[in-house]
PDB file of N, CA and C in Angstrom:
ATOM      1  N   PHE A   1       0.842  -1.175   0.000  1.00  0.00           N
ATOM      2  CA  PHE A   1       0.000   0.000   0.000  1.00  0.00           C
ATOM      3  C   PHE A   1       0.882   1.232   0.000  1.00  0.00           C
ATOM      4  N   VAL A   2       0.703   2.083  -0.981  1.00  0.00           N
ATOM      5  CA  VAL A   2       1.443   3.342  -1.071  1.00  0.00           C
ATOM      6  C   VAL A   2       0.428   4.466  -1.171  1.00  0.00           C
ATOM      7  N   PHE A   3       0.548   5.438  -0.298  1.00  0.00           N
ATOM      8  CA  PHE A   3      -0.357   6.583  -0.296  1.00  0.00           C
ATOM      9  C   PHE A   3       0.266   7.664  -1.159  1.00  0.00           C
ATOM     10  N   ASN A   4      -0.311   7.937  -2.310  1.00  0.00           N
ATOM     11  CA  ASN A   4       0.260   8.855  -3.288  1.00  0.00           C
ATOM     12  C   ASN A   4      -0.276  10.270  -3.076  1.00  0.00           C
ATOM     13  N   THR A   5       0.403  11.025  -2.276  1.00  0.00           N
ATOM     14  CA  THR A   5       0.048  12.421  -2.056  1.00  0.00           C
ATOM     15  C   THR A   5       1.294  13.167  -1.625  1.00  0.00           C
ATOM     16  N   LYS A   6       1.181  14.450  -1.466  1.00  0.00           N
ATOM     17  CA  LYS A   6       2.309  15.227  -0.972  1.00  0.00           C
ATOM     18  C   LYS A   6       1.835  16.048   0.220  1.00  0.00           C
ATOM     19  N   PRO A   7       2.747  16.422   1.091  1.00  0.00           N
ATOM     20  CA  PRO A   7       2.356  17.206   2.256  1.00  0.00           C
ATOM     21  C   PRO A   7       1.743  18.543   1.863  1.00  0.00           C
ATOM     22  N   HIS A   8       0.804  18.988   2.657  1.00  0.00           N
ATOM     23  CA  HIS A   8       0.162  20.278   2.427  1.00  0.00           C
ATOM     24  C   HIS A   8       0.579  21.262   3.508  1.00  0.00           C
ATOM     25  N   GLN A   9       1.842  21.277   3.844  1.00  0.00           N
ATOM     26  CA  GLN A   9       2.295  22.255   4.816  1.00  0.00           C
ATOM     27  C   GLN A   9       2.898  23.423   4.050  1.00  0.00           C
ATOM     28  N   SER A  10       2.617  24.619   4.531  1.00  0.00           N
ATOM     29  CA  SER A  10       2.999  25.811   3.778  1.00  0.00           C
ATOM     30  C   SER A  10       4.348  26.387   4.195  1.00  0.00           C
ATOM     31  N   PHE A  11       5.134  25.636   4.921  1.00  0.00           N
ATOM     32  CA  PHE A  11       6.436  26.107   5.369  1.00  0.00           C
ATOM     33  C   PHE A  11       7.386  24.925   5.381  1.00  0.00           C
ATOM     34  N   GLY A  12       8.676  25.188   5.401  1.00  0.00           N
ATOM     35  CA  GLY A  12       9.651  24.122   5.225  1.00  0.00           C
ATOM     36  C   GLY A  12      10.207  23.501   6.483  1.00  0.00           C
ATOM     37  N   VAL A  13       9.610  23.775   7.616  1.00  0.00           N
ATOM     38  CA  VAL A  13      10.110  23.211   8.874  1.00  0.00           C
ATOM     39  C   VAL A  13       8.994  22.450   9.578  1.00  0.00           C
ATOM     40  N   ASP A  14       9.332  21.840  10.683  1.00  0.00           N
ATOM     41  CA  ASP A  14       8.364  21.098  11.494  1.00  0.00           C
ATOM     42  C   ASP A  14       7.777  19.889  10.771  1.00  0.00           C
ATOM     43  N   CYS A  15       8.580  19.214   9.948  1.00  0.00           N
ATOM     44  CA  CYS A  15       8.098  18.035   9.234  1.00  0.00           C
ATOM     45  C   CYS A  15       7.627  16.951  10.207  1.00  0.00           C
ATOM     46  N   GLY A  16       8.371  16.774  11.292  1.00  0.00           N
ATOM     47  CA  GLY A  16       7.980  15.777  12.290  1.00  0.00           C
ATOM     48  C   GLY A  16       6.668  16.128  12.945  1.00  0.00           C
ATOM     49  N   LEU A  17       6.461  17.407  13.200  1.00  0.00           N
ATOM     50  CA  LEU A  17       5.207  17.867  13.784  1.00  0.00           C
ATOM     51  C   LEU A  17       4.060  17.636  12.809  1.00  0.00           C
ATOM     52  N   TYR A  18       4.306  17.890  11.528  1.00  0.00           N
ATOM     53  CA  TYR A  18       3.301  17.632  10.494  1.00  0.00           C
ATOM     54  C   TYR A  18       2.945  16.149  10.459  1.00  0.00           C
ATOM     55  N   LEU A  19       3.942  15.285  10.550  1.00  0.00           N
ATOM     56  CA  LEU A  19       3.701  13.844  10.556  1.00  0.00           C
ATOM     57  C   LEU A  19       2.857  13.441  11.755  1.00  0.00           C
ATOM     58  N   LEU A  20       3.197  13.948  12.935  1.00  0.00           N
ATOM     59  CA  LEU A  20       2.411  13.646  14.134  1.00  0.00           C
ATOM     60  C   LEU A  20       0.975  14.142  13.995  1.00  0.00           C
ATOM     61  N   HIS A  21       0.808  15.315  13.398  1.00  0.00           N
ATOM     62  CA  HIS A  21      -0.534  15.865  13.171  1.00  0.00           C
ATOM     63  C   HIS A  21      -1.347  14.931  12.270  1.00  0.00           C
ATOM     64  N   CYS A  22      -0.766  14.502  11.167  1.00  0.00           N
ATOM     65  CA  CYS A  22      -1.472  13.603  10.239  1.00  0.00           C
ATOM     66  C   CYS A  22      -1.818  12.277  10.903  1.00  0.00           C
ATOM     67  N   MET A  23      -0.905  11.742  11.685  1.00  0.00           N
ATOM     68  CA  MET A  23      -1.171  10.489  12.398  1.00  0.00           C
ATOM     69  C   MET A  23      -2.302  10.683  13.408  1.00  0.00           C
ATOM     70  N   ASP A  24      -2.283  11.790  14.121  1.00  0.00           N
ATOM     71  CA  ASP A  24      -3.312  12.076  15.117  1.00  0.00           C
ATOM     72  C   ASP A  24      -4.685  12.194  14.463  1.00  0.00           C
ATOM     73  N   VAL A  25      -4.769  12.953  13.371  1.00  0.00           N
ATOM     74  CA  VAL A  25      -6.034  13.123  12.656  1.00  0.00           C
ATOM     75  C   VAL A  25      -6.540  11.778  12.149  1.00  0.00           C
ATOM     76  N   THR A  26      -5.663  10.997  11.541  1.00  0.00           N
ATOM     77  CA  THR A  26      -6.047   9.693  11.007  1.00  0.00           C
ATOM     78  C   THR A  26      -6.549   8.772  12.109  1.00  0.00           C
ATOM     79  N   LEU A  27      -5.826   8.697  13.218  1.00  0.00           N
ATOM     80  CA  LEU A  27      -6.235   7.818  14.316  1.00  0.00           C
ATOM     81  C   LEU A  27      -7.566   8.239  14.920  1.00  0.00           C
ATOM     82  N   LYS A  28      -7.827   9.531  15.013  1.00  0.00           N
ATOM     83  CA  LYS A  28      -9.117   9.998  15.534  1.00  0.00           C
ATOM     84  C   LYS A  28     -10.259   9.567  14.624  1.00  0.00           C
ATOM     85  N   HIS A  29     -10.062   9.675  13.313  1.00  0.00           N
ATOM     86  CA  HIS A  29     -11.099   9.257  12.368  1.00  0.00           C
ATOM     87  C   HIS A  29     -11.303   7.747  12.406  1.00  0.00           C
ATOM     88  N   VAL A  30     -10.229   7.003  12.489  1.00  0.00           N
ATOM     89  CA  VAL A  30     -10.334   5.540  12.543  1.00  0.00           C
ATOM     90  C   VAL A  30     -11.064   5.119  13.814  1.00  0.00           C
ATOM     91  N   ALA A  31     -10.722   5.727  14.933  1.00  0.00           N
ATOM     92  CA  ALA A  31     -11.370   5.383  16.197  1.00  0.00           C
ATOM     93  C   ALA A  31     -12.853   5.739  16.180  1.00  0.00           C
ATOM     94  N   ALA A  32     -13.201   6.856  15.563  1.00  0.00           N
ATOM     95  CA  ALA A  32     -14.594   7.302  15.546  1.00  0.00           C
ATOM     96  C   ALA A  32     -15.449   6.504  14.568  1.00  0.00           C
ATOM     97  N   ALA A  33     -14.930   6.255  13.383  1.00  0.00           N
ATOM     98  CA  ALA A  33     -15.729   5.619  12.333  1.00  0.00           C
ATOM     99  C   ALA A  33     -15.543   4.114  12.251  1.00  0.00           C
ATOM    100  N   GLU A  34     -14.429   3.624  12.751  1.00  0.00           N
ATOM    101  CA  GLU A  34     -14.076   2.207  12.659  1.00  0.00           C
ATOM    102  C   GLU A  34     -14.297   1.660  11.243  1.00  0.00           C
ATOM    103  N   PRO A  35     -13.698   2.329  10.243  1.00  0.00           N
ATOM    104  CA  PRO A  35     -13.887   1.850   8.872  1.00  0.00           C
ATOM    105  C   PRO A  35     -13.149   0.536   8.639  1.00  0.00           C
ATOM    106  N   ARG A  36     -13.674  -0.247   7.731  1.00  0.00           N
ATOM    107  CA  ARG A  36     -13.028  -1.518   7.407  1.00  0.00           C
ATOM    108  C   ARG A  36     -11.735  -1.277   6.643  1.00  0.00           C
ATOM    109  N   PHE A  37     -11.757  -0.293   5.754  1.00  0.00           N
ATOM    110  CA  PHE A  37     -10.580   0.076   4.977  1.00  0.00           C
ATOM    111  C   PHE A  37     -10.370   1.579   5.102  1.00  0.00           C
ATOM    112  N   ILE A  38      -9.118   2.006   5.188  1.00  0.00           N
ATOM    113  CA  ILE A  38      -8.852   3.443   5.315  1.00  0.00           C
ATOM    114  C   ILE A  38      -8.170   4.034   4.089  1.00  0.00           C
ATOM    115  N   GLU A  39      -7.788   3.202   3.154  1.00  0.00           N
ATOM    116  CA  GLU A  39      -7.026   3.678   1.998  1.00  0.00           C
ATOM    117  C   GLU A  39      -7.728   4.822   1.276  1.00  0.00           C
ATOM    118  N   GLY A  40      -9.021   4.704   1.050  1.00  0.00           N
ATOM    119  CA  GLY A  40      -9.754   5.732   0.325  1.00  0.00           C
ATOM    120  C   GLY A  40     -10.053   6.976   1.137  1.00  0.00           C
ATOM    121  N   LYS A  41      -9.839   6.917   2.430  1.00  0.00           N
ATOM    122  CA  LYS A  41     -10.175   8.031   3.308  1.00  0.00           C
ATOM    123  C   LYS A  41      -8.980   8.889   3.709  1.00  0.00           C
ATOM    124  N   LEU A  42      -7.755   8.385   3.592  1.00  0.00           N
ATOM    125  CA  LEU A  42      -6.584   9.103   4.089  1.00  0.00           C
ATOM    126  C   LEU A  42      -6.429  10.492   3.488  1.00  0.00           C
ATOM    127  N   CYS A  43      -6.616  10.612   2.206  1.00  0.00           N
ATOM    128  CA  CYS A  43      -6.461  11.916   1.558  1.00  0.00           C
ATOM    129  C   CYS A  43      -7.501  12.897   2.091  1.00  0.00           C
ATOM    130  N   GLN A  44      -8.722  12.437   2.243  1.00  0.00           N
ATOM    131  CA  GLN A  44      -9.792  13.282   2.771  1.00  0.00           C
ATOM    132  C   GLN A  44      -9.478  13.737   4.194  1.00  0.00           C
ATOM    133  N   TRP A  45      -8.983  12.849   5.025  1.00  0.00           N
ATOM    134  CA  TRP A  45      -8.727  13.155   6.429  1.00  0.00           C
ATOM    135  C   TRP A  45      -7.530  14.075   6.623  1.00  0.00           C
ATOM    136  N   THR A  46      -6.550  14.008   5.746  1.00  0.00           N
ATOM    137  CA  THR A  46      -5.307  14.763   5.952  1.00  0.00           C
ATOM    138  C   THR A  46      -5.082  15.855   4.910  1.00  0.00           C
ATOM    139  N   SER A  47      -6.122  16.270   4.213  1.00  0.00           N
ATOM    140  CA  SER A  47      -5.939  17.213   3.109  1.00  0.00           C
ATOM    141  C   SER A  47      -5.976  18.680   3.529  1.00  0.00           C
ATOM    142  N   THR A  48      -6.205  18.975   4.786  1.00  0.00           N
ATOM    143  CA  THR A  48      -6.204  20.375   5.198  1.00  0.00           C
ATOM    144  C   THR A  48      -4.776  20.912   5.224  1.00  0.00           C
ATOM    145  N   TYR A  49      -4.644  22.189   4.991  1.00  0.00           N
ATOM    146  CA  TYR A  49      -3.314  22.789   4.977  1.00  0.00           C
ATOM    147  C   TYR A  49      -2.807  22.988   6.395  1.00  0.00           C
ATOM    148  N   PHE A  50      -1.566  22.688   6.602  1.00  0.00           N
ATOM    149  CA  PHE A  50      -0.917  22.758   7.909  1.00  0.00           C
ATOM    150  C   PHE A  50       0.057  23.920   7.859  1.00  0.00           C
ATOM    151  N   ASN A  51      -0.396  25.096   8.292  1.00  0.00           N
ATOM    152  CA  ASN A  51       0.445  26.287   8.210  1.00  0.00           C
ATOM    153  C   ASN A  51       1.172  26.532   9.530  1.00  0.00           C
ATOM    154  N   ALA A  52       1.934  27.597   9.581  1.00  0.00           N
ATOM    155  CA  ALA A  52       2.741  27.894  10.769  1.00  0.00           C
ATOM    156  C   ALA A  52       1.875  28.133  11.999  1.00  0.00           C
ATOM    157  N   THR A  53       0.716  28.749  11.827  1.00  0.00           N
ATOM    158  CA  THR A  53      -0.188  28.988  12.952  1.00  0.00           C
ATOM    159  C   THR A  53      -0.716  27.677  13.509  1.00  0.00           C
ATOM    160  N   LYS A  54      -1.144  26.777  12.627  1.00  0.00           N
ATOM    161  CA  LYS A  54      -1.625  25.468  13.079  1.00  0.00           C
ATOM    162  C   LYS A  54      -0.505  24.667  13.723  1.00  0.00           C
ATOM    163  N   ALA A  55       0.702  24.799  13.207  1.00  0.00           N
ATOM    164  CA  ALA A  55       1.845  24.089  13.789  1.00  0.00           C
ATOM    165  C   ALA A  55       2.108  24.576  15.208  1.00  0.00           C
ATOM    166  N   ALA A  56       2.050  25.878  15.416  1.00  0.00           N
ATOM    167  CA  ALA A  56       2.278  26.430  16.751  1.00  0.00           C
ATOM    168  C   ALA A  56       1.206  25.963  17.725  1.00  0.00           C
ATOM    169  N   THR A  57      -0.032  25.946  17.284  1.00  0.00           N
ATOM    170  CA  THR A  57      -1.130  25.476  18.131  1.00  0.00           C
ATOM    171  C   THR A  57      -0.956  24.008  18.463  1.00  0.00           C
ATOM    172  N   TYR A  58      -0.644  23.203  17.459  1.00  0.00           N
ATOM    173  CA  TYR A  58      -0.479  21.767  17.677  1.00  0.00           C
ATOM    174  C   TYR A  58       0.733  21.488  18.566  1.00  0.00           C
ATOM    175  N   ARG A  59       1.797  22.236  18.379  1.00  0.00           N
ATOM    176  CA  ARG A  59       2.988  22.088  19.222  1.00  0.00           C
ATOM    177  C   ARG A  59       2.628  22.343  20.688  1.00  0.00           C
ATOM    178  N   SER A  60       1.843  23.384  20.947  1.00  0.00           N
ATOM    179  CA  SER A  60       1.415  23.695  22.316  1.00  0.00           C
ATOM    180  C   SER A  60       0.534  22.591  22.889  1.00  0.00           C
ATOM    181  N   GLN A  61      -0.363  22.053  22.072  1.00  0.00           N
ATOM    182  CA  GLN A  61      -1.228  20.964  22.530  1.00  0.00           C
ATOM    183  C   GLN A  61      -0.406  19.736  22.892  1.00  0.00           C
ATOM    184  N   LEU A  62       0.564  19.394  22.059  1.00  0.00           N
ATOM    185  CA  LEU A  62       1.419  18.242  22.351  1.00  0.00           C
ATOM    186  C   LEU A  62       2.236  18.478  23.612  1.00  0.00           C
ATOM    187  N   TYR A  63       2.754  19.678  23.758  1.00  0.00           N
ATOM    188  CA  TYR A  63       3.538  20.006  24.949  1.00  0.00           C
ATOM    189  C   TYR A  63       2.691  19.845  26.212  1.00  0.00           C
ATOM    190  N   ASN A  64       1.454  20.334  26.161  1.00  0.00           N
ATOM    191  CA  ASN A  64       0.569  20.228  27.320  1.00  0.00           C
ATOM    192  C   ASN A  64       0.214  18.778  27.646  1.00  0.00           C
ATOM    193  N   LYS A  65       0.153  17.927  26.647  1.00  0.00           N
ATOM    194  CA  LYS A  65      -0.142  16.510  26.885  1.00  0.00           C
ATOM    195  C   LYS A  65       1.013  15.795  27.567  1.00  0.00           C
ATOM    196  N   VAL A  66       2.227  16.159  27.217  1.00  0.00           N
ATOM    197  CA  VAL A  66       3.384  15.437  27.763  1.00  0.00           C
ATOM    198  C   VAL A  66       4.025  16.135  28.959  1.00  0.00           C
ATOM    199  N   ALA A  67       3.673  17.381  29.193  1.00  0.00           N
ATOM    200  CA  ALA A  67       4.283  18.132  30.310  1.00  0.00           C
ATOM    201  C   ALA A  67       3.670  17.748  31.645  1.00  0.00           C
TER     202      ALA A  67
END
């Protein structure tokens, strides 16, 4: 299985944070919907743009979870 898409982040840093964000979004959808297959849904779930403002917000949320 290969997911053919490219990242939708509007800046060149925080790639790891972007990856964690995509994993978090995907896992929330899987847990909520319990789909049998997720291949057709991944693009829909992770297609929002991840800009610097969203990265800062997500970074703070992650920090608060682990602090």
